[in-house]
Every structure is written in structure tokens, then in C-alpha cells.
Amino acid sequence: MLNIVLFGPPGSGKGTQATKLCEQFNLTHISTGDLLREEIKNETPLGLEAQKFMDNGILVPDEVVIGMLGSKIDASIEGGSQGFIFDGFPRTVDQAEALDKLLELKEANVGKVLFLTVDEDELVNRLLERGKTSGRADDQNEEKIRTRLQEYNNKTLPVAEYYEGQNKVNKIDGVGGIEDIFCALSDALTDIIPA
């Protein structure tokens, strides 16, 4: 199985590229935000548990999120998926360790971490542009955007260091045309694509 973590700061183009990579390599896109919404909508036991935390303004604990990931992975494997792209997860080193353990139970692992790099001013401009059409309040205020990026640098960036310790990180320049970036991402996977 081809399992990829698509990594990068907010506004680096992860969502756009994840869609293209899924189509190219027959992968299942796993976004934890989408997963949470789906489980809550379907009123699964994990969804109901997650809703309790969210109703109280508390982050959903890693164990609940990992449980949802496990269910999604099992269903996708049964459906013939060739692997997964994890988008927006893991966000912390604890989550990365938990993901490694979960995949190990399924006799799989993270094969590659594709790290989209974009400088901060470019990210701010992209997010402000996105805010004009997305309607997301957190994309319309430069101060809030810079706070989010700082949060990413403090809490999420160490995940890249964790995977660098496993020699799995490929840094890809996230500035340029969508197709050019997609080609660079695809090229970075050639050494782990199953024959």
C-alpha cells in the first residue's frame, strides 16, 4: 500500500494536490476534519463521542480521532483502495506516533511525507485571497492568519522532524503552477510506488 502524509502550512496547496494525487495513484484522501463531520452526521458511536467534546469547546482527543481513522482505513481497504493520503493529520508528534502504531497493526506504514514549503508572506497572501471566496473568517484577517501560522510552526512543524528521523521526508517547493508542483510530488513517489 502507498500511504502518504501530505504536509505543509495552511495555504500551501495540500487540498488541491491531494485530489490530484488520489486520482493519479488510486488513493483514498483522508482529511480528519471531513472524517469528524461524516462520523457525527452518521451518528456513529465515535461521532457521538466526538460531538460531546466539540459541544463543550474541547478538542477531540487523539484516541477518538485515531479510532475514526482506523474505521475509515478498514472500510477503504475493503473497498479496494491502493493506499491513503493523510491531509491535516498528524498535527503533533503524539499523533504521528499513534498513526504509525495504527498502520503497523494493519501491516502498513507511512511510505513518504511530502512537505510543501512556501514562505510566510506568500501563505498570507494566498489565504487572504482564499478568504475573499471561501467565506472563512479565519482566512480574512491577516493577524489571525499569522497566529495560525505561528501555531503551525510551534506544534505541527516538529512532525516533519519526527519523520525526517525515519528518512521519509521529501521537501517540495509549493510555489509555482499547480501542474508543476503535482509533477514534483509525483516524481518524489517513484521510489515507493508498488510495481
Protein backbone atom coordinates (compact mmCIF):
# COMPACT_ATOMS: atom_id res chain seq x y z
CA MET A 1 0.00 0.00 0.00
CA LEU A 2 1.09 3.53 -0.78
CA ASN A 3 0.50 5.70 2.31
CA ILE A 4 1.46 9.35 2.14
CA VAL A 5 1.33 12.22 4.59
CA LEU A 6 0.80 15.46 2.67
CA PHE A 7 2.37 18.06 4.90
CA GLY A 8 2.63 21.83 4.87
CA PRO A 9 1.31 25.01 6.43
CA PRO A 10 -2.19 26.41 5.88
CA GLY A 11 -2.40 27.75 2.34
CA SER A 12 0.38 25.58 0.91
CA GLY A 13 -1.98 23.84 -1.54
CA LYS A 14 -2.43 20.49 0.22
CA GLY A 15 -6.12 20.11 -0.64
CA THR A 16 -5.62 20.84 -4.34
CA GLN A 17 -2.68 18.47 -4.66
CA ALA A 18 -4.28 15.71 -2.55
CA THR A 19 -7.18 15.50 -5.01
CA LYS A 20 -4.80 15.15 -7.97
CA LEU A 21 -2.60 12.56 -6.24
CA CYS A 22 -5.65 10.48 -5.26
CA GLU A 23 -6.82 10.36 -8.87
CA GLN A 24 -3.35 9.55 -10.22
CA PHE A 25 -2.50 6.75 -7.77
CA ASN A 26 -5.98 5.42 -6.77
CA LEU A 27 -5.57 6.57 -3.17
CA THR A 28 -8.14 7.45 -0.53
CA HIS A 29 -7.97 11.06 0.71
CA ILE A 30 -8.28 11.20 4.48
CA SER A 31 -8.95 14.63 5.92
CA THR A 32 -9.60 14.44 9.65
CA GLY A 33 -11.98 17.42 9.51
CA ASP A 34 -14.13 15.69 6.87
CA LEU A 35 -13.92 12.44 8.83
CA LEU A 36 -15.17 14.07 12.04
CA ARG A 37 -18.09 15.72 10.22
CA GLU A 38 -19.02 12.43 8.49
CA GLU A 39 -18.96 10.38 11.72
CA ILE A 40 -21.06 12.99 13.54
CA LYS A 41 -23.55 13.20 10.67
CA ASN A 42 -23.88 9.39 10.60
CA GLU A 43 -24.23 9.34 14.42
CA THR A 44 -21.65 6.56 14.82
CA PRO A 45 -20.53 5.78 18.39
CA LEU A 46 -17.22 7.61 17.72
CA GLY A 47 -19.10 10.50 16.12
CA LEU A 48 -21.38 10.86 19.13
CA GLU A 49 -18.35 10.78 21.43
CA ALA A 50 -16.59 13.43 19.34
CA GLN A 51 -19.71 15.62 19.38
CA LYS A 52 -19.68 15.69 23.20
CA PHE A 53 -16.16 17.13 23.21
CA MET A 54 -16.95 19.62 20.45
CA ASP A 55 -20.14 20.77 22.18
CA ASN A 56 -18.00 21.70 25.18
CA GLY A 57 -15.44 23.54 23.04
CA ILE A 58 -12.79 20.88 23.74
CA LEU A 59 -10.50 19.41 21.09
CA VAL A 60 -11.44 15.86 20.17
CA PRO A 61 -8.87 13.57 21.88
CA ASP A 62 -6.34 11.77 19.72
CA GLU A 63 -7.74 8.35 20.71
CA VAL A 64 -11.14 9.23 19.22
CA VAL A 65 -9.59 10.61 16.02
CA ILE A 66 -7.34 7.53 15.68
CA GLY A 67 -10.41 5.32 16.18
CA MET A 68 -12.15 7.12 13.31
CA LEU A 69 -9.04 6.79 11.13
CA GLY A 70 -8.92 3.06 11.85
CA SER A 71 -12.55 2.62 10.78
CA LYS A 72 -12.01 4.66 7.60
CA ILE A 73 -8.84 2.72 6.70
CA ASP A 74 -10.59 -0.65 7.19
CA ALA A 75 -13.58 0.39 5.04
CA SER A 76 -11.30 1.77 2.30
CA ILE A 77 -9.13 -1.34 2.21
CA GLU A 78 -12.27 -3.47 1.83
CA GLY A 79 -13.31 -1.12 -0.99
CA GLY A 80 -10.06 -1.78 -2.88
CA SER A 81 -8.11 1.36 -2.05
CA GLN A 82 -4.41 1.22 -3.03
CA GLY A 83 -3.43 3.41 -0.06
CA PHE A 84 -4.04 6.73 1.64
CA ILE A 85 -3.15 10.39 1.61
CA PHE A 86 -3.35 11.85 5.11
CA ASP A 87 -4.12 15.57 4.84
CA GLY A 88 -4.11 17.69 8.01
CA PHE A 89 -3.04 14.74 10.13
CA PRO A 90 -0.86 14.13 12.03
CA ARG A 91 -0.64 17.63 13.57
CA THR A 92 1.53 16.67 16.54
CA VAL A 93 4.33 14.20 17.20
CA ASP A 94 1.98 12.24 19.52
CA GLN A 95 -0.46 11.88 16.62
CA ALA A 96 2.36 10.80 14.28
CA GLU A 97 3.40 8.08 16.73
CA ALA A 98 -0.24 6.96 17.10
CA LEU A 99 -0.65 6.84 13.30
CA ASP A 100 2.50 4.71 12.98
CA LYS A 101 1.12 2.27 15.57
CA LEU A 102 -2.29 2.12 13.86
CA LEU A 103 -0.75 1.41 10.45
CA GLU A 104 1.58 -1.18 11.98
CA LEU A 105 -1.49 -3.09 13.22
CA LYS A 106 -2.68 -3.15 9.60
CA GLU A 107 0.77 -4.30 8.42
CA ALA A 108 1.38 -0.97 6.69
CA ASN A 109 3.32 2.22 7.28
CA VAL A 110 3.74 5.82 6.14
CA GLY A 111 5.83 5.43 3.00
CA LYS A 112 6.56 9.09 2.37
CA VAL A 113 5.93 12.56 3.76
CA LEU A 114 5.54 15.14 1.01
CA PHE A 115 6.30 18.51 2.59
CA LEU A 116 5.06 21.54 0.62
CA THR A 117 7.26 24.52 1.52
CA VAL A 118 6.01 28.07 0.99
CA ASP A 119 7.32 31.27 2.62
CA GLU A 120 5.10 33.03 5.14
CA ASP A 121 4.28 36.18 3.13
CA GLU A 122 3.15 34.05 0.18
CA LEU A 123 0.96 31.97 2.51
CA VAL A 124 -0.62 35.10 4.00
CA ASN A 125 -1.40 36.43 0.51
CA ARG A 126 -2.89 33.10 -0.60
CA LEU A 127 -5.07 32.78 2.49
CA LEU A 128 -6.31 36.37 2.21
CA GLU A 129 -7.16 35.66 -1.46
CA ARG A 130 -8.93 32.43 -0.48
CA GLY A 131 -10.82 34.36 2.19
CA LYS A 132 -12.47 36.52 -0.48
CA THR A 133 -14.27 33.47 -1.88
CA SER A 134 -14.26 30.84 0.89
CA GLY A 135 -16.27 32.81 3.40
CA ARG A 136 -13.95 31.51 6.14
CA ALA A 137 -13.48 34.24 8.74
CA ASP A 138 -10.03 32.88 9.69
CA ASP A 139 -8.85 33.50 6.09
CA GLN A 140 -9.89 37.17 6.07
CA ASN A 141 -7.77 38.64 8.85
CA GLU A 142 -4.00 38.90 8.45
CA GLU A 143 -3.38 38.90 12.21
CA LYS A 144 -5.40 35.66 12.65
CA ILE A 145 -3.59 34.09 9.69
CA ARG A 146 -0.17 34.91 11.17
CA THR A 147 -1.31 33.47 14.53
CA ARG A 148 -2.36 30.24 12.77
CA LEU A 149 1.00 30.04 11.02
CA GLN A 150 2.79 30.56 14.33
CA GLU A 151 0.69 27.78 15.88
CA TYR A 152 1.64 25.55 12.94
CA ASN A 153 5.36 26.37 13.41
CA ASN A 154 5.21 25.63 17.14
CA LYS A 155 3.08 22.48 17.19
CA THR A 156 2.97 20.90 13.73
CA LEU A 157 6.42 21.55 12.25
CA PRO A 158 8.03 19.08 14.73
CA VAL A 159 6.07 16.32 12.92
CA ALA A 160 8.36 16.85 9.91
CA GLU A 161 11.39 16.42 12.17
CA TYR A 162 9.86 13.19 13.54
CA TYR A 163 9.53 11.75 10.01
CA GLU A 164 12.95 13.11 8.98
CA GLY A 165 14.28 10.83 11.72
CA GLN A 166 12.75 7.95 9.68
CA ASN A 167 14.23 9.33 6.44
CA LYS A 168 10.76 9.74 4.87
CA VAL A 169 10.50 13.49 4.14
CA ASN A 170 10.67 14.99 0.66
CA LYS A 171 10.52 18.78 0.61
CA ILE A 172 8.73 20.15 -2.45
CA ASP A 173 8.62 23.83 -3.42
CA GLY A 174 4.94 24.74 -3.10
CA VAL A 175 5.28 27.89 -5.23
CA GLY A 176 4.59 27.66 -8.96
CA GLY A 177 1.98 26.23 -11.28
CA ILE A 178 -0.37 23.55 -9.95
CA GLU A 179 0.79 21.06 -12.63
CA ASP A 180 4.49 21.75 -11.99
CA ILE A 181 4.04 21.15 -8.26
CA PHE A 182 1.99 17.99 -8.98
CA CYS A 183 4.80 16.65 -11.22
CA ALA A 184 7.36 17.30 -8.46
CA LEU A 185 5.15 15.48 -5.92
CA SER A 186 4.63 12.53 -8.28
CA ASP A 187 8.36 12.31 -9.00
CA ALA A 188 9.06 12.16 -5.27
CA LEU A 189 6.93 8.98 -5.06
CA THR A 190 8.66 6.97 -7.78
CA ASP A 191 10.86 5.06 -5.33
CA ILE A 192 7.92 3.78 -3.23
CA ILE A 193 5.20 3.14 -5.82
CA PRO A 194 4.34 -0.58 -5.75
CA ALA A 195 5.17 -2.27 -9.06
